[in-house]
Amino acid sequence: MNLEQIKQLVGDAIEHEELIVEHEDNYYLNIIIVSAVFEGLRPVKRQQMVYQPLNDMIADGTVHAVKIKAFTADEWQKHKKLNF
């Protein structure tokens, strides 16, 4: 799994201020994305937006699981202050 490729796929699909992609054991992805497009969207819709560009990699088993944290800029600032 190429993290830069995954970052590129997600980054091209969603305009963002910040995007962090990490992995555990080459199958489990951790994605943190900060974007204004998430404003007013429920967490499930945000996650669907992030999953969409990864669907082929999930379907072929390249990516086994994805943990997504999708924030607006204000939520990200609060998250960093509270450190959760």
PDB file of N, CA and C in Angstrom:
ATOM      1  N   MET A   1       0.845  -1.176   0.000  1.00  0.00           N
ATOM      2  CA  MET A   1       0.000   0.000   0.000  1.00  0.00           C
ATOM      3  C   MET A   1       0.891   1.240   0.000  1.00  0.00           C
ATOM      4  N   ASN A   2       0.595   2.152  -0.866  1.00  0.00           N
ATOM      5  CA  ASN A   2       1.356   3.383  -0.986  1.00  0.00           C
ATOM      6  C   ASN A   2       0.561   4.520  -0.339  1.00  0.00           C
ATOM      7  N   LEU A   3       1.049   5.020   0.787  1.00  0.00           N
ATOM      8  CA  LEU A   3       0.332   6.075   1.502  1.00  0.00           C
ATOM      9  C   LEU A   3       0.200   7.347   0.682  1.00  0.00           C
ATOM     10  N   GLU A   4       1.214   7.662  -0.113  1.00  0.00           N
ATOM     11  CA  GLU A   4       1.129   8.857  -0.953  1.00  0.00           C
ATOM     12  C   GLU A   4       0.021   8.725  -1.999  1.00  0.00           C
ATOM     13  N   GLN A   5      -0.144   7.532  -2.551  1.00  0.00           N
ATOM     14  CA  GLN A   5      -1.214   7.281  -3.525  1.00  0.00           C
ATOM     15  C   GLN A   5      -2.581   7.458  -2.860  1.00  0.00           C
ATOM     16  N   ILE A   6      -2.724   6.930  -1.667  1.00  0.00           N
ATOM     17  CA  ILE A   6      -3.988   7.055  -0.940  1.00  0.00           C
ATOM     18  C   ILE A   6      -4.253   8.518  -0.593  1.00  0.00           C
ATOM     19  N   LYS A   7      -3.228   9.204  -0.149  1.00  0.00           N
ATOM     20  CA  LYS A   7      -3.370  10.630   0.174  1.00  0.00           C
ATOM     21  C   LYS A   7      -3.773  11.416  -1.070  1.00  0.00           C
ATOM     22  N   GLN A   8      -3.187  11.071  -2.195  1.00  0.00           N
ATOM     23  CA  GLN A   8      -3.517  11.741  -3.455  1.00  0.00           C
ATOM     24  C   GLN A   8      -4.980  11.484  -3.846  1.00  0.00           C
ATOM     25  N   LEU A   9      -5.426  10.228  -3.731  1.00  0.00           N
ATOM     26  CA  LEU A   9      -6.809   9.886  -4.082  1.00  0.00           C
ATOM     27  C   LEU A   9      -7.807  10.661  -3.229  1.00  0.00           C
ATOM     28  N   VAL A  10      -7.596  10.647  -1.931  1.00  0.00           N
ATOM     29  CA  VAL A  10      -8.515  11.345  -1.029  1.00  0.00           C
ATOM     30  C   VAL A  10      -8.399  12.860  -1.228  1.00  0.00           C
ATOM     31  N   GLY A  11      -7.172  13.341  -1.337  1.00  0.00           N
ATOM     32  CA  GLY A  11      -6.947  14.772  -1.511  1.00  0.00           C
ATOM     33  C   GLY A  11      -7.537  15.329  -2.792  1.00  0.00           C
ATOM     34  N   ASP A  12      -7.476  14.534  -3.857  1.00  0.00           N
ATOM     35  CA  ASP A  12      -8.069  14.979  -5.123  1.00  0.00           C
ATOM     36  C   ASP A  12      -9.594  14.977  -5.067  1.00  0.00           C
ATOM     37  N   ALA A  13     -10.161  14.090  -4.272  1.00  0.00           N
ATOM     38  CA  ALA A  13     -11.615  13.957  -4.197  1.00  0.00           C
ATOM     39  C   ALA A  13     -12.260  14.990  -3.280  1.00  0.00           C
ATOM     40  N   ILE A  14     -11.508  15.425  -2.256  1.00  0.00           N
ATOM     41  CA  ILE A  14     -12.070  16.328  -1.255  1.00  0.00           C
ATOM     42  C   ILE A  14     -11.127  17.509  -1.048  1.00  0.00           C
ATOM     43  N   GLU A  15     -11.627  18.697  -1.321  1.00  0.00           N
ATOM     44  CA  GLU A  15     -10.834  19.897  -1.038  1.00  0.00           C
ATOM     45  C   GLU A  15     -10.628  19.968   0.472  1.00  0.00           C
ATOM     46  N   HIS A  16      -9.398  20.187   0.901  1.00  0.00           N
ATOM     47  CA  HIS A  16      -9.111  20.087   2.326  1.00  0.00           C
ATOM     48  C   HIS A  16      -8.055  21.100   2.753  1.00  0.00           C
ATOM     49  N   GLU A  17      -8.051  21.362   4.047  1.00  0.00           N
ATOM     50  CA  GLU A  17      -7.029  22.214   4.638  1.00  0.00           C
ATOM     51  C   GLU A  17      -5.887  21.366   5.197  1.00  0.00           C
ATOM     52  N   GLU A  18      -6.229  20.177   5.670  1.00  0.00           N
ATOM     53  CA  GLU A  18      -5.226  19.280   6.230  1.00  0.00           C
ATOM     54  C   GLU A  18      -5.647  17.837   5.957  1.00  0.00           C
ATOM     55  N   LEU A  19      -4.654  16.996   5.679  1.00  0.00           N
ATOM     56  CA  LEU A  19      -4.925  15.580   5.409  1.00  0.00           C
ATOM     57  C   LEU A  19      -3.750  14.763   5.935  1.00  0.00           C
ATOM     58  N   ILE A  20      -4.051  13.876   6.853  1.00  0.00           N
ATOM     59  CA  ILE A  20      -3.039  12.998   7.438  1.00  0.00           C
ATOM     60  C   ILE A  20      -3.457  11.561   7.152  1.00  0.00           C
ATOM     61  N   VAL A  21      -2.558  10.795   6.553  1.00  0.00           N
ATOM     62  CA  VAL A  21      -2.826   9.389   6.264  1.00  0.00           C
ATOM     63  C   VAL A  21      -1.693   8.563   6.874  1.00  0.00           C
ATOM     64  N   GLU A  22      -2.066   7.648   7.747  1.00  0.00           N
ATOM     65  CA  GLU A  22      -1.103   6.757   8.389  1.00  0.00           C
ATOM     66  C   GLU A  22      -1.619   5.333   8.261  1.00  0.00           C
ATOM     67  N   HIS A  23      -0.744   4.375   8.495  1.00  0.00           N
ATOM     68  CA  HIS A  23      -1.197   2.993   8.435  1.00  0.00           C
ATOM     69  C   HIS A  23      -0.646   2.168   9.582  1.00  0.00           C
ATOM     70  N   GLU A  24      -1.367   1.093   9.857  1.00  0.00           N
ATOM     71  CA  GLU A  24      -0.923   0.082  10.811  1.00  0.00           C
ATOM     72  C   GLU A  24      -0.923  -1.242  10.058  1.00  0.00           C
ATOM     73  N   ASP A  25       0.146  -1.949  10.108  1.00  0.00           N
ATOM     74  CA  ASP A  25       0.242  -3.287   9.497  1.00  0.00           C
ATOM     75  C   ASP A  25      -0.071  -3.304   8.006  1.00  0.00           C
ATOM     76  N   ASN A  26       0.101  -2.193   7.315  1.00  0.00           N
ATOM     77  CA  ASN A  26      -0.129  -2.075   5.873  1.00  0.00           C
ATOM     78  C   ASN A  26      -1.559  -2.356   5.426  1.00  0.00           C
ATOM     79  N   TYR A  27      -2.456  -2.642   6.310  1.00  0.00           N
ATOM     80  CA  TYR A  27      -3.846  -2.889   5.917  1.00  0.00           C
ATOM     81  C   TYR A  27      -4.812  -1.908   6.555  1.00  0.00           C
ATOM     82  N   TYR A  28      -4.479  -1.407   7.719  1.00  0.00           N
ATOM     83  CA  TYR A  28      -5.384  -0.555   8.468  1.00  0.00           C
ATOM     84  C   TYR A  28      -4.955   0.895   8.327  1.00  0.00           C
ATOM     85  N   LEU A  29      -5.816   1.683   7.731  1.00  0.00           N
ATOM     86  CA  LEU A  29      -5.520   3.098   7.522  1.00  0.00           C
ATOM     87  C   LEU A  29      -6.142   3.962   8.604  1.00  0.00           C
ATOM     88  N   ASN A  30      -5.432   4.995   8.992  1.00  0.00           N
ATOM     89  CA  ASN A  30      -5.962   6.054   9.834  1.00  0.00           C
ATOM     90  C   ASN A  30      -5.922   7.321   8.995  1.00  0.00           C
ATOM     91  N   ILE A  31      -7.083   7.924   8.798  1.00  0.00           N
ATOM     92  CA  ILE A  31      -7.168   9.143   7.999  1.00  0.00           C
ATOM     93  C   ILE A  31      -7.787  10.244   8.848  1.00  0.00           C
ATOM     94  N   ILE A  32      -7.098  11.372   8.895  1.00  0.00           N
ATOM     95  CA  ILE A  32      -7.644  12.586   9.495  1.00  0.00           C
ATOM     96  C   ILE A  32      -7.701  13.613   8.375  1.00  0.00           C
ATOM     97  N   ILE A  33      -8.885  14.164   8.181  1.00  0.00           N
ATOM     98  CA  ILE A  33      -9.054  15.159   7.121  1.00  0.00           C
ATOM     99  C   ILE A  33      -9.850  16.336   7.666  1.00  0.00           C
ATOM    100  N   VAL A  34      -9.399  17.520   7.318  1.00  0.00           N
ATOM    101  CA  VAL A  34     -10.041  18.764   7.746  1.00  0.00           C
ATOM    102  C   VAL A  34     -10.495  19.488   6.489  1.00  0.00           C
ATOM    103  N   SER A  35     -11.803  19.757   6.411  1.00  0.00           N
ATOM    104  CA  SER A  35     -12.342  20.377   5.206  1.00  0.00           C
ATOM    105  C   SER A  35     -13.593  21.187   5.506  1.00  0.00           C
ATOM    106  N   ALA A  36     -13.733  22.294   4.807  1.00  0.00           N
ATOM    107  CA  ALA A  36     -14.936  23.120   4.925  1.00  0.00           C
ATOM    108  C   ALA A  36     -16.152  22.409   4.336  1.00  0.00           C
ATOM    109  N   VAL A  37     -15.938  21.447   3.443  1.00  0.00           N
ATOM    110  CA  VAL A  37     -17.075  20.758   2.819  1.00  0.00           C
ATOM    111  C   VAL A  37     -17.842  19.906   3.826  1.00  0.00           C
ATOM    112  N   PHE A  38     -17.259  19.636   4.976  1.00  0.00           N
ATOM    113  CA  PHE A  38     -17.935  18.828   5.991  1.00  0.00           C
ATOM    114  C   PHE A  38     -18.908  19.637   6.840  1.00  0.00           C
ATOM    115  N   GLU A  39     -18.877  20.947   6.688  1.00  0.00           N
ATOM    116  CA  GLU A  39     -19.753  21.823   7.471  1.00  0.00           C
ATOM    117  C   GLU A  39     -21.211  21.394   7.290  1.00  0.00           C
ATOM    118  N   GLY A  40     -21.882  21.132   8.402  1.00  0.00           N
ATOM    119  CA  GLY A  40     -23.302  20.781   8.367  1.00  0.00           C
ATOM    120  C   GLY A  40     -23.595  19.328   8.007  1.00  0.00           C
ATOM    121  N   LEU A  41     -22.563  18.525   7.735  1.00  0.00           N
ATOM    122  CA  LEU A  41     -22.780  17.122   7.385  1.00  0.00           C
ATOM    123  C   LEU A  41     -22.643  16.230   8.608  1.00  0.00           C
ATOM    124  N   ARG A  42     -23.448  15.196   8.646  1.00  0.00           N
ATOM    125  CA  ARG A  42     -23.357  14.220   9.728  1.00  0.00           C
ATOM    126  C   ARG A  42     -22.109  13.369   9.548  1.00  0.00           C
ATOM    127  N   PRO A  43     -21.614  12.785  10.636  1.00  0.00           N
ATOM    128  CA  PRO A  43     -20.399  11.971  10.556  1.00  0.00           C
ATOM    129  C   PRO A  43     -20.454  10.861   9.503  1.00  0.00           C
ATOM    130  N   VAL A  44     -21.580  10.205   9.350  1.00  0.00           N
ATOM    131  CA  VAL A  44     -21.690   9.122   8.366  1.00  0.00           C
ATOM    132  C   VAL A  44     -21.491   9.646   6.945  1.00  0.00           C
ATOM    133  N   LYS A  45     -22.070  10.781   6.625  1.00  0.00           N
ATOM    134  CA  LYS A  45     -21.913  11.371   5.293  1.00  0.00           C
ATOM    135  C   LYS A  45     -20.460  11.769   5.052  1.00  0.00           C
ATOM    136  N   ARG A  46     -19.817  12.307   6.067  1.00  0.00           N
ATOM    137  CA  ARG A  46     -18.406  12.674   5.947  1.00  0.00           C
ATOM    138  C   ARG A  46     -17.562  11.434   5.638  1.00  0.00           C
ATOM    139  N   GLN A  47     -17.813  10.363   6.391  1.00  0.00           N
ATOM    140  CA  GLN A  47     -17.061   9.130   6.177  1.00  0.00           C
ATOM    141  C   GLN A  47     -17.313   8.557   4.786  1.00  0.00           C
ATOM    142  N   GLN A  48     -18.538   8.612   4.324  1.00  0.00           N
ATOM    143  CA  GLN A  48     -18.851   8.132   2.973  1.00  0.00           C
ATOM    144  C   GLN A  48     -18.056   8.893   1.926  1.00  0.00           C
ATOM    145  N   MET A  49     -17.905  10.191   2.126  1.00  0.00           N
ATOM    146  CA  MET A  49     -17.141  11.005   1.182  1.00  0.00           C
ATOM    147  C   MET A  49     -15.678  10.577   1.139  1.00  0.00           C
ATOM    148  N   VAL A  50     -15.121  10.216   2.296  1.00  0.00           N
ATOM    149  CA  VAL A  50     -13.718   9.801   2.363  1.00  0.00           C
ATOM    150  C   VAL A  50     -13.557   8.380   1.814  1.00  0.00           C
ATOM    151  N   TYR A  51     -14.510   7.506   2.097  1.00  0.00           N
ATOM    152  CA  TYR A  51     -14.452   6.130   1.585  1.00  0.00           C
ATOM    153  C   TYR A  51     -14.542   6.071   0.064  1.00  0.00           C
ATOM    154  N   GLN A  52     -15.328   6.954  -0.527  1.00  0.00           N
ATOM    155  CA  GLN A  52     -15.636   6.872  -1.962  1.00  0.00           C
ATOM    156  C   GLN A  52     -14.392   6.711  -2.838  1.00  0.00           C
ATOM    157  N   PRO A  53     -13.372   7.550  -2.711  1.00  0.00           N
ATOM    158  CA  PRO A  53     -12.212   7.385  -3.591  1.00  0.00           C
ATOM    159  C   PRO A  53     -11.383   6.137  -3.272  1.00  0.00           C
ATOM    160  N   LEU A  54     -11.642   5.502  -2.137  1.00  0.00           N
ATOM    161  CA  LEU A  54     -10.888   4.313  -1.729  1.00  0.00           C
ATOM    162  C   LEU A  54     -11.620   3.005  -2.021  1.00  0.00           C
ATOM    163  N   ASN A  55     -12.842   3.103  -2.554  1.00  0.00           N
ATOM    164  CA  ASN A  55     -13.666   1.913  -2.752  1.00  0.00           C
ATOM    165  C   ASN A  55     -12.972   0.800  -3.520  1.00  0.00           C
ATOM    166  N   ASP A  56     -12.258   1.120  -4.584  1.00  0.00           N
ATOM    167  CA  ASP A  56     -11.582   0.075  -5.365  1.00  0.00           C
ATOM    168  C   ASP A  56     -10.505  -0.623  -4.544  1.00  0.00           C
ATOM    169  N   MET A  57      -9.766   0.133  -3.751  1.00  0.00           N
ATOM    170  CA  MET A  57      -8.711  -0.451  -2.926  1.00  0.00           C
ATOM    171  C   MET A  57      -9.290  -1.303  -1.795  1.00  0.00           C
ATOM    172  N   ILE A  58     -10.451  -0.911  -1.306  1.00  0.00           N
ATOM    173  CA  ILE A  58     -11.127  -1.710  -0.283  1.00  0.00           C
ATOM    174  C   ILE A  58     -11.672  -2.987  -0.919  1.00  0.00           C
ATOM    175  N   ALA A  59     -12.276  -2.850  -2.091  1.00  0.00           N
ATOM    176  CA  ALA A  59     -12.867  -4.004  -2.782  1.00  0.00           C
ATOM    177  C   ALA A  59     -11.831  -5.052  -3.154  1.00  0.00           C
ATOM    178  N   ASP A  60     -10.634  -4.636  -3.578  1.00  0.00           N
ATOM    179  CA  ASP A  60      -9.625  -5.618  -3.983  1.00  0.00           C
ATOM    180  C   ASP A  60      -8.745  -6.080  -2.819  1.00  0.00           C
ATOM    181  N   GLY A  61      -9.022  -5.595  -1.608  1.00  0.00           N
ATOM    182  CA  GLY A  61      -8.302  -6.054  -0.435  1.00  0.00           C
ATOM    183  C   GLY A  61      -6.999  -5.325  -0.151  1.00  0.00           C
ATOM    184  N   THR A  62      -6.646  -4.342  -0.976  1.00  0.00           N
ATOM    185  CA  THR A  62      -5.437  -3.560  -0.727  1.00  0.00           C
ATOM    186  C   THR A  62      -5.535  -2.863   0.623  1.00  0.00           C
ATOM    187  N   VAL A  63      -6.723  -2.350   0.907  1.00  0.00           N
ATOM    188  CA  VAL A  63      -7.003  -1.708   2.186  1.00  0.00           C
ATOM    189  C   VAL A  63      -8.046  -2.558   2.895  1.00  0.00           C
ATOM    190  N   HIS A  64      -7.728  -2.952   4.117  1.00  0.00           N
ATOM    191  CA  HIS A  64      -8.641  -3.822   4.854  1.00  0.00           C
ATOM    192  C   HIS A  64      -9.633  -3.023   5.702  1.00  0.00           C
ATOM    193  N   ALA A  65      -9.145  -1.995   6.367  1.00  0.00           N
ATOM    194  CA  ALA A  65     -10.009  -1.208   7.246  1.00  0.00           C
ATOM    195  C   ALA A  65      -9.515   0.232   7.267  1.00  0.00           C
ATOM    196  N   VAL A  66     -10.460   1.141   7.476  1.00  0.00           N
ATOM    197  CA  VAL A  66     -10.123   2.562   7.502  1.00  0.00           C
ATOM    198  C   VAL A  66     -10.797   3.199   8.711  1.00  0.00           C
ATOM    199  N   LYS A  67      -9.999   3.903   9.493  1.00  0.00           N
ATOM    200  CA  LYS A  67     -10.524   4.703  10.598  1.00  0.00           C
ATOM    201  C   LYS A  67     -10.452   6.153  10.146  1.00  0.00           C
ATOM    202  N   ILE A  68     -11.603   6.805  10.128  1.00  0.00           N
ATOM    203  CA  ILE A  68     -11.685   8.161   9.592  1.00  0.00           C
ATOM    204  C   ILE A  68     -12.101   9.142  10.678  1.00  0.00           C
ATOM    205  N   LYS A  69     -11.380  10.239  10.741  1.00  0.00           N
ATOM    206  CA  LYS A  69     -11.786  11.385  11.548  1.00  0.00           C
ATOM    207  C   LYS A  69     -11.870  12.557  10.583  1.00  0.00           C
ATOM    208  N   ALA A  70     -13.081  13.023  10.347  1.00  0.00           N
ATOM    209  CA  ALA A  70     -13.322  14.098   9.385  1.00  0.00           C
ATOM    210  C   ALA A  70     -13.857  15.315  10.140  1.00  0.00           C
ATOM    211  N   PHE A  71     -13.118  16.407  10.069  1.00  0.00           N
ATOM    212  CA  PHE A  71     -13.426  17.601  10.837  1.00  0.00           C
ATOM    213  C   PHE A  71     -13.619  18.825   9.946  1.00  0.00           C
ATOM    214  N   THR A  72     -14.384  19.785  10.457  1.00  0.00           N
ATOM    215  CA  THR A  72     -14.325  21.143   9.914  1.00  0.00           C
ATOM    216  C   THR A  72     -13.120  21.802  10.588  1.00  0.00           C
ATOM    217  N   ALA A  73     -12.733  22.972  10.118  1.00  0.00           N
ATOM    218  CA  ALA A  73     -11.585  23.664  10.706  1.00  0.00           C
ATOM    219  C   ALA A  73     -11.824  23.978  12.181  1.00  0.00           C
ATOM    220  N   ASP A  74     -13.024  24.437  12.525  1.00  0.00           N
ATOM    221  CA  ASP A  74     -13.338  24.743  13.932  1.00  0.00           C
ATOM    222  C   ASP A  74     -13.280  23.493  14.794  1.00  0.00           C
ATOM    223  N   GLU A  75     -13.843  22.389  14.295  1.00  0.00           N
ATOM    224  CA  GLU A  75     -13.807  21.136  15.045  1.00  0.00           C
ATOM    225  C   GLU A  75     -12.372  20.645  15.237  1.00  0.00           C
ATOM    226  N   TRP A  76     -11.548  20.816  14.211  1.00  0.00           N
ATOM    227  CA  TRP A  76     -10.147  20.393  14.292  1.00  0.00           C
ATOM    228  C   TRP A  76      -9.404  21.193  15.359  1.00  0.00           C
ATOM    229  N   GLN A  77      -9.639  22.496  15.421  1.00  0.00           N
ATOM    230  CA  GLN A  77      -8.999  23.316  16.445  1.00  0.00           C
ATOM    231  C   GLN A  77      -9.406  22.857  17.842  1.00  0.00           C
ATOM    232  N   LYS A  78     -10.685  22.568  18.034  1.00  0.00           N
ATOM    233  CA  LYS A  78     -11.165  22.083  19.335  1.00  0.00           C
ATOM    234  C   LYS A  78     -10.545  20.721  19.644  1.00  0.00           C
ATOM    235  N   HIS A  79     -10.485  19.868  18.654  1.00  0.00           N
ATOM    236  CA  HIS A  79      -9.901  18.530  18.815  1.00  0.00           C
ATOM    237  C   HIS A  79      -8.449  18.631  19.289  1.00  0.00           C
ATOM    238  N   LYS A  80      -7.689  19.498  18.655  1.00  0.00           N
ATOM    239  CA  LYS A  80      -6.279  19.646  19.020  1.00  0.00           C
ATOM    240  C   LYS A  80      -6.130  20.235  20.424  1.00  0.00           C
ATOM    241  N   LYS A  81      -6.997  21.163  20.788  1.00  0.00           N
ATOM    242  CA  LYS A  81      -6.927  21.761  22.125  1.00  0.00           C
ATOM    243  C   LYS A  81      -7.267  20.741  23.206  1.00  0.00           C
ATOM    244  N   LEU A  82      -8.271  19.919  22.921  1.00  0.00           N
ATOM    245  CA  LEU A  82      -8.712  18.920  23.909  1.00  0.00           C
ATOM    246  C   LEU A  82      -7.882  17.653  23.844  1.00  0.00           C
ATOM    247  N   ASN A  83      -7.130  17.498  22.728  1.00  0.00           N
ATOM    248  CA  ASN A  83      -6.243  16.356  22.559  1.00  0.00           C
ATOM    249  C   ASN A  83      -6.957  15.009  22.687  1.00  0.00           C
ATOM    250  N   PHE A  84      -8.089  14.865  21.979  1.00  0.00           N
ATOM    251  CA  PHE A  84      -8.790  13.573  22.021  1.00  0.00           C
ATOM    252  C   PHE A  84      -8.704  12.868  20.708  1.00  0.00           C
TER     253      PHE A  84
END
